[in-house]
Amino acid sequence: MTTFDDRERAFETKFARDEDMAFRVIARRNKLLGQWAAGLMKLTPEETDAYSRAVIHAEFEEAGDEDVVRKLLGDLTAAGVEVDDAMVRKAIDDQAVEARRQLMELK
């Protein structure tokens, strides 16, 4: 029976590690998205840091990426930046790849 217990613990550990990595990727992606949008809005470095944190916090409003998309679209449009839904979603995909790459380099 210990073989099954060991196997179960291994699966639980892997699941926890995978969930932790997914959370880190999303948080890093959102930080990068904030920096991307701040660059388009021509924010100062201090404003960029604050905006990146605001994008990270937007993720916690509801499950999925829709809250982040709404925030970015609203803020970019309010700043007079020509942007559409497809452009924001492409940035989300691009920044997710970059976030995963950065986190893999840290290992």
Protein backbone atom coordinates (compact mmCIF):
# COMPACT_ATOMS: atom_id res chain seq x y z
CA MET A 1 0.00 0.00 0.00
CA THR A 2 2.93 2.40 0.51
CA THR A 3 3.60 2.41 -3.23
CA PHE A 4 0.13 3.80 -3.83
CA ASP A 5 0.54 6.32 -1.01
CA ASP A 6 3.87 7.46 -2.43
CA ARG A 7 2.36 7.75 -5.88
CA GLU A 8 -0.58 9.76 -4.53
CA ARG A 9 1.76 12.14 -2.68
CA ALA A 10 3.84 12.55 -5.83
CA PHE A 11 0.74 13.47 -7.88
CA GLU A 12 -0.39 15.92 -5.20
CA THR A 13 3.04 17.53 -5.11
CA LYS A 14 3.15 17.82 -8.89
CA PHE A 15 -0.34 19.33 -8.96
CA ALA A 16 0.62 21.91 -6.33
CA ARG A 17 3.80 22.80 -8.22
CA ASP A 18 1.91 23.12 -11.53
CA GLU A 19 -0.72 25.37 -9.94
CA ASP A 20 1.96 27.54 -8.37
CA MET A 21 3.73 27.88 -11.72
CA ALA A 22 0.46 28.77 -13.49
CA PHE A 23 -0.20 31.49 -10.90
CA ARG A 24 3.31 32.88 -11.33
CA VAL A 25 3.01 32.90 -15.13
CA ILE A 26 -0.28 34.80 -15.00
CA ALA A 27 1.05 37.32 -12.49
CA ARG A 28 4.21 37.88 -14.56
CA ARG A 29 2.16 38.09 -17.77
CA ASN A 30 -0.06 40.74 -16.22
CA LYS A 31 2.94 42.73 -15.06
CA LEU A 32 4.34 42.61 -18.60
CA LEU A 33 0.93 43.60 -19.99
CA GLY A 34 0.88 46.59 -17.66
CA GLN A 35 4.31 47.62 -18.89
CA TRP A 36 3.22 47.17 -22.51
CA ALA A 37 0.09 49.29 -22.03
CA ALA A 38 1.98 51.90 -20.00
CA GLY A 39 4.43 52.24 -22.88
CA LEU A 40 1.55 52.86 -25.28
CA MET A 41 0.11 55.44 -22.89
CA LYS A 42 3.57 57.03 -22.44
CA LEU A 43 3.51 56.77 -18.64
CA THR A 44 6.48 57.67 -16.46
CA PRO A 45 8.49 54.84 -14.83
CA GLU A 46 6.71 55.43 -11.49
CA GLU A 47 3.32 55.43 -13.19
CA THR A 48 4.31 52.29 -15.11
CA ASP A 49 5.08 50.42 -11.88
CA ALA A 50 1.77 51.48 -10.33
CA TYR A 51 -0.15 50.61 -13.48
CA SER A 52 1.47 47.18 -13.71
CA ARG A 53 0.37 46.47 -10.14
CA ALA A 54 -3.17 47.60 -11.02
CA VAL A 55 -3.27 45.17 -13.95
CA ILE A 56 -2.06 42.35 -11.70
CA HIS A 57 -4.85 43.17 -9.22
CA ALA A 58 -7.45 43.30 -12.01
CA GLU A 59 -6.89 39.57 -12.54
CA PHE A 60 -8.46 38.84 -9.15
CA GLU A 61 -11.82 40.47 -9.96
CA GLU A 62 -13.20 37.42 -11.78
CA ALA A 63 -12.01 34.15 -13.24
CA GLY A 64 -10.44 34.29 -16.68
CA ASP A 65 -8.84 37.08 -18.66
CA GLU A 66 -11.95 39.17 -19.36
CA ASP A 67 -11.35 41.52 -16.42
CA VAL A 68 -7.81 42.21 -17.63
CA VAL A 69 -9.01 42.74 -21.22
CA ARG A 70 -11.67 45.19 -20.03
CA LYS A 71 -9.17 47.12 -17.91
CA LEU A 72 -6.59 47.38 -20.67
CA LEU A 73 -9.13 48.31 -23.35
CA GLY A 74 -10.78 50.90 -21.11
CA ASP A 75 -7.54 52.49 -19.97
CA LEU A 76 -5.93 52.52 -23.41
CA THR A 77 -9.04 53.94 -25.04
CA ALA A 78 -9.36 56.60 -22.32
CA ALA A 79 -5.72 57.56 -22.97
CA GLY A 80 -6.49 58.04 -26.67
CA VAL A 81 -4.56 54.98 -27.86
CA GLU A 82 -5.98 53.32 -30.97
CA VAL A 83 -6.48 49.74 -29.79
CA ASP A 84 -9.02 46.99 -30.30
CA ASP A 85 -9.94 43.73 -28.60
CA ALA A 86 -7.84 41.62 -30.98
CA MET A 87 -4.73 43.72 -30.32
CA VAL A 88 -5.12 43.33 -26.54
CA ARG A 89 -5.73 39.58 -26.80
CA LYS A 90 -2.63 39.18 -29.00
CA ALA A 91 -0.62 41.09 -26.39
CA ILE A 92 -1.96 38.74 -23.71
CA ASP A 93 -0.81 35.72 -25.72
CA ASP A 94 2.59 37.27 -26.49
CA GLN A 95 3.20 38.30 -22.89
CA ALA A 96 2.17 34.87 -21.60
CA VAL A 97 4.89 33.31 -23.75
CA GLU A 98 7.41 35.86 -22.51
CA ALA A 99 6.38 35.37 -18.88
CA ARG A 100 6.78 31.60 -19.15
CA ARG A 101 10.20 32.07 -20.80
CA GLN A 102 11.35 34.43 -18.04
CA LEU A 103 10.21 32.08 -15.29
CA MET A 104 11.88 29.10 -16.92
CA GLU A 105 15.16 31.05 -17.07
CA LEU A 106 14.96 31.67 -13.32
CA LYS A 107 14.97 27.93 -12.56
